[in-house]
Amino acid sequence: HIARATSFSAAKVWQAKLMELLQDPHASYDRQQALALCYEARFDAAVLLLYEQLGLHYDMLRLHMSRRNYVALIDTCRKYAPSDPDMWIQVVGFLVAGQEQCSDELRLVLQWIHDDRLLPPALLIKLLAASAPA
């Protein structure tokens, strides 16, 4: 158990150093290469940071979807959807098609979309109807 704890703490130290490097605006590195390496290592915090730096907001959504991280998914959409309302379409489609119970999250998203008039109601009805059981 000591060896595992030591390797875990060493990994945390390296992750912290890597995040510091990735956040340094003066650091010189290939962001695409760093993204590939961090993705392969499943270092989500670094992947998300690089996606953000590269403007890959839909990739951020897809990562949150793959990890079933509904809070981060919705937060990301609320942050970036004002400049790209179609992000809400992706989120609604994902929440509606989900295998898991996420009705609370869907209700919350639909309420935001309605209150802020982010998408036309007809489009929402179409999205919801497309996923209704036959």
C-alpha atoms as a PDB file:
ATOM      1  CA  HIS A   1       0.000   0.000   0.000  1.00  0.00           C
ATOM      2  CA  ILE A   2       2.906   2.367   0.683  1.00  0.00           C
ATOM      3  CA  ALA A   3       4.242   1.983  -2.870  1.00  0.00           C
ATOM      4  CA  ARG A   4       0.801   2.718  -4.309  1.00  0.00           C
ATOM      5  CA  ALA A   5       0.366   5.784  -2.069  1.00  0.00           C
ATOM      6  CA  THR A   6       3.831   7.027  -3.021  1.00  0.00           C
ATOM      7  CA  SER A   7       3.191   6.619  -6.747  1.00  0.00           C
ATOM      8  CA  PHE A   8      -0.202   8.302  -6.355  1.00  0.00           C
ATOM      9  CA  SER A   9       1.320  11.301  -4.570  1.00  0.00           C
ATOM     10  CA  ALA A  10       4.128  11.479  -7.136  1.00  0.00           C
ATOM     11  CA  ALA A  11       1.537  11.494  -9.928  1.00  0.00           C
ATOM     12  CA  LYS A  12      -0.325  14.319  -8.204  1.00  0.00           C
ATOM     13  CA  VAL A  13       2.885  16.338  -7.987  1.00  0.00           C
ATOM     14  CA  TRP A  14       3.577  15.815 -11.699  1.00  0.00           C
ATOM     15  CA  GLN A  15      -0.006  16.701 -12.578  1.00  0.00           C
ATOM     16  CA  ALA A  16       0.258  19.935 -10.593  1.00  0.00           C
ATOM     17  CA  LYS A  17       3.525  20.804 -12.351  1.00  0.00           C
ATOM     18  CA  LEU A  18       2.002  20.047 -15.729  1.00  0.00           C
ATOM     19  CA  MET A  19      -1.057  22.208 -15.016  1.00  0.00           C
ATOM     20  CA  GLU A  20       1.240  25.041 -13.960  1.00  0.00           C
ATOM     21  CA  LEU A  21       3.157  24.728 -17.240  1.00  0.00           C
ATOM     22  CA  LEU A  22      -0.027  24.574 -19.333  1.00  0.00           C
ATOM     23  CA  GLN A  23      -1.366  27.716 -17.646  1.00  0.00           C
ATOM     24  CA  ASP A  24       1.864  29.666 -18.185  1.00  0.00           C
ATOM     25  CA  PRO A  25       1.214  32.071 -21.076  1.00  0.00           C
ATOM     26  CA  HIS A  26       4.971  32.322 -21.726  1.00  0.00           C
ATOM     27  CA  ALA A  27       5.573  28.562 -21.959  1.00  0.00           C
ATOM     28  CA  SER A  28       6.516  27.325 -25.395  1.00  0.00           C
ATOM     29  CA  TYR A  29       5.007  23.953 -26.330  1.00  0.00           C
ATOM     30  CA  ASP A  30       2.833  22.411 -29.016  1.00  0.00           C
ATOM     31  CA  ARG A  31      -0.700  22.538 -27.604  1.00  0.00           C
ATOM     32  CA  GLN A  32      -1.968  19.869 -29.998  1.00  0.00           C
ATOM     33  CA  GLN A  33       0.802  17.470 -28.956  1.00  0.00           C
ATOM     34  CA  ALA A  34       0.201  18.233 -25.281  1.00  0.00           C
ATOM     35  CA  LEU A  35      -3.513  17.627 -25.822  1.00  0.00           C
ATOM     36  CA  ALA A  36      -2.869  14.242 -27.420  1.00  0.00           C
ATOM     37  CA  LEU A  37      -0.580  13.167 -24.578  1.00  0.00           C
ATOM     38  CA  CYS A  38      -2.924  14.371 -21.840  1.00  0.00           C
ATOM     39  CA  TYR A  39      -5.901  12.728 -23.542  1.00  0.00           C
ATOM     40  CA  GLU A  40      -4.037   9.440 -23.826  1.00  0.00           C
ATOM     41  CA  ALA A  41      -3.134   9.648 -20.125  1.00  0.00           C
ATOM     42  CA  ARG A  42      -6.798  10.451 -19.290  1.00  0.00           C
ATOM     43  CA  PHE A  43      -5.695  13.604 -17.454  1.00  0.00           C
ATOM     44  CA  ASP A  44      -9.061  15.325 -17.845  1.00  0.00           C
ATOM     45  CA  ALA A  45      -8.168  18.569 -16.071  1.00  0.00           C
ATOM     46  CA  ALA A  46      -5.330  19.188 -18.531  1.00  0.00           C
ATOM     47  CA  VAL A  47      -7.416  18.068 -21.513  1.00  0.00           C
ATOM     48  CA  LEU A  48     -10.194  20.484 -20.559  1.00  0.00           C
ATOM     49  CA  LEU A  49      -7.729  23.333 -20.065  1.00  0.00           C
ATOM     50  CA  LEU A  50      -6.200  22.706 -23.490  1.00  0.00           C
ATOM     51  CA  TYR A  51      -9.621  22.384 -25.130  1.00  0.00           C
ATOM     52  CA  GLU A  52     -10.508  25.741 -23.613  1.00  0.00           C
ATOM     53  CA  GLN A  53      -7.251  27.349 -24.766  1.00  0.00           C
ATOM     54  CA  LEU A  54      -7.782  25.974 -28.275  1.00  0.00           C
ATOM     55  CA  GLY A  55     -11.426  27.058 -28.392  1.00  0.00           C
ATOM     56  CA  LEU A  56     -12.657  23.458 -28.699  1.00  0.00           C
ATOM     57  CA  HIS A  57     -15.836  23.960 -26.706  1.00  0.00           C
ATOM     58  CA  TYR A  58     -17.772  21.124 -28.327  1.00  0.00           C
ATOM     59  CA  ASP A  59     -14.937  18.781 -27.418  1.00  0.00           C
ATOM     60  CA  MET A  60     -15.304  19.973 -23.841  1.00  0.00           C
ATOM     61  CA  LEU A  61     -18.992  19.018 -24.005  1.00  0.00           C
ATOM     62  CA  ARG A  62     -18.168  15.599 -25.461  1.00  0.00           C
ATOM     63  CA  LEU A  63     -15.661  14.877 -22.700  1.00  0.00           C
ATOM     64  CA  HIS A  64     -18.190  15.789 -20.015  1.00  0.00           C
ATOM     65  CA  MET A  65     -20.773  13.638 -21.765  1.00  0.00           C
ATOM     66  CA  SER A  66     -18.431  10.658 -21.934  1.00  0.00           C
ATOM     67  CA  ARG A  67     -17.688  10.996 -18.220  1.00  0.00           C
ATOM     68  CA  ARG A  68     -21.377  11.564 -17.383  1.00  0.00           C
ATOM     69  CA  ASN A  69     -20.405  14.768 -15.592  1.00  0.00           C
ATOM     70  CA  TYR A  70     -23.728  16.599 -15.851  1.00  0.00           C
ATOM     71  CA  VAL A  71     -22.766  19.547 -13.662  1.00  0.00           C
ATOM     72  CA  ALA A  72     -19.646  20.319 -15.718  1.00  0.00           C
ATOM     73  CA  LEU A  73     -21.600  19.736 -18.937  1.00  0.00           C
ATOM     74  CA  ILE A  74     -24.213  22.309 -18.001  1.00  0.00           C
ATOM     75  CA  ASP A  75     -21.634  24.748 -16.617  1.00  0.00           C
ATOM     76  CA  THR A  76     -19.634  24.552 -19.851  1.00  0.00           C
ATOM     77  CA  CYS A  77     -22.739  25.165 -21.907  1.00  0.00           C
ATOM     78  CA  ARG A  78     -23.773  28.139 -19.787  1.00  0.00           C
ATOM     79  CA  LYS A  79     -20.277  29.603 -20.160  1.00  0.00           C
ATOM     80  CA  TYR A  80     -19.867  29.201 -23.935  1.00  0.00           C
ATOM     81  CA  ALA A  81     -23.397  28.930 -25.349  1.00  0.00           C
ATOM     82  CA  PRO A  82     -24.051  32.700 -25.327  1.00  0.00           C
ATOM     83  CA  SER A  83     -21.752  32.871 -28.351  1.00  0.00           C
ATOM     84  CA  ASP A  84     -22.967  29.522 -29.746  1.00  0.00           C
ATOM     85  CA  PRO A  85     -26.555  28.651 -28.759  1.00  0.00           C
ATOM     86  CA  ASP A  86     -26.384  25.415 -30.760  1.00  0.00           C
ATOM     87  CA  MET A  87     -24.436  23.965 -27.835  1.00  0.00           C
ATOM     88  CA  TRP A  88     -27.772  23.702 -26.028  1.00  0.00           C
ATOM     89  CA  ILE A  89     -29.040  21.436 -28.811  1.00  0.00           C
ATOM     90  CA  GLN A  90     -26.176  19.047 -28.120  1.00  0.00           C
ATOM     91  CA  VAL A  91     -26.845  19.077 -24.393  1.00  0.00           C
ATOM     92  CA  VAL A  92     -30.595  18.569 -24.721  1.00  0.00           C
ATOM     93  CA  GLY A  93     -30.067  15.750 -27.220  1.00  0.00           C
ATOM     94  CA  PHE A  94     -27.606  14.070 -24.884  1.00  0.00           C
ATOM     95  CA  LEU A  95     -29.788  14.408 -21.798  1.00  0.00           C
ATOM     96  CA  VAL A  96     -32.873  13.173 -23.615  1.00  0.00           C
ATOM     97  CA  ALA A  97     -31.120  10.194 -25.187  1.00  0.00           C
ATOM     98  CA  GLY A  98     -29.278   9.270 -21.984  1.00  0.00           C
ATOM     99  CA  GLN A  99     -29.531   5.781 -20.588  1.00  0.00           C
ATOM    100  CA  GLU A 100     -29.382   7.138 -17.067  1.00  0.00           C
ATOM    101  CA  GLN A 101     -31.846   9.146 -15.069  1.00  0.00           C
ATOM    102  CA  CYS A 102     -31.029  12.773 -15.672  1.00  0.00           C
ATOM    103  CA  SER A 103     -34.529  14.229 -15.682  1.00  0.00           C
ATOM    104  CA  ASP A 104     -33.598  16.858 -13.081  1.00  0.00           C
ATOM    105  CA  GLU A 105     -30.755  18.109 -15.259  1.00  0.00           C
ATOM    106  CA  LEU A 106     -32.976  18.073 -18.341  1.00  0.00           C
ATOM    107  CA  ARG A 107     -35.699  20.006 -16.529  1.00  0.00           C
ATOM    108  CA  LEU A 108     -33.117  22.588 -15.400  1.00  0.00           C
ATOM    109  CA  VAL A 109     -31.671  22.980 -18.896  1.00  0.00           C
ATOM    110  CA  LEU A 110     -35.112  23.304 -20.474  1.00  0.00           C
ATOM    111  CA  GLN A 111     -36.052  25.945 -17.916  1.00  0.00           C
ATOM    112  CA  TRP A 112     -32.914  28.002 -18.708  1.00  0.00           C
ATOM    113  CA  ILE A 113     -33.537  27.681 -22.422  1.00  0.00           C
ATOM    114  CA  HIS A 114     -37.147  28.801 -21.969  1.00  0.00           C
ATOM    115  CA  ASP A 115     -36.429  31.649 -19.534  1.00  0.00           C
ATOM    116  CA  ASP A 116     -33.557  33.071 -21.585  1.00  0.00           C
ATOM    117  CA  ARG A 117     -35.186  32.298 -24.948  1.00  0.00           C
ATOM    118  CA  LEU A 118     -32.083  30.503 -26.136  1.00  0.00           C
ATOM    119  CA  LEU A 119     -33.749  28.202 -28.672  1.00  0.00           C
ATOM    120  CA  PRO A 120     -37.061  28.258 -30.517  1.00  0.00           C
ATOM    121  CA  PRO A 121     -39.777  26.213 -28.752  1.00  0.00           C
ATOM    122  CA  ALA A 122     -40.534  24.310 -31.974  1.00  0.00           C
ATOM    123  CA  LEU A 123     -36.944  23.054 -32.075  1.00  0.00           C
ATOM    124  CA  LEU A 124     -37.155  21.871 -28.474  1.00  0.00           C
ATOM    125  CA  ILE A 125     -40.393  20.021 -29.193  1.00  0.00           C
ATOM    126  CA  LYS A 126     -38.739  18.366 -32.188  1.00  0.00           C
ATOM    127  CA  LEU A 127     -35.743  17.301 -30.071  1.00  0.00           C
ATOM    128  CA  LEU A 128     -37.956  15.913 -27.325  1.00  0.00           C
ATOM    129  CA  ALA A 129     -40.301  14.150 -29.758  1.00  0.00           C
ATOM    130  CA  ALA A 130     -37.430  12.511 -31.619  1.00  0.00           C
ATOM    131  CA  SER A 131     -36.353  10.727 -28.465  1.00  0.00           C
ATOM    132  CA  ALA A 132     -39.817   9.704 -27.257  1.00  0.00           C
ATOM    133  CA  PRO A 133     -40.325   5.941 -27.066  1.00  0.00           C
ATOM    134  CA  ALA A 134     -42.372   4.538 -29.918  1.00  0.00           C
END
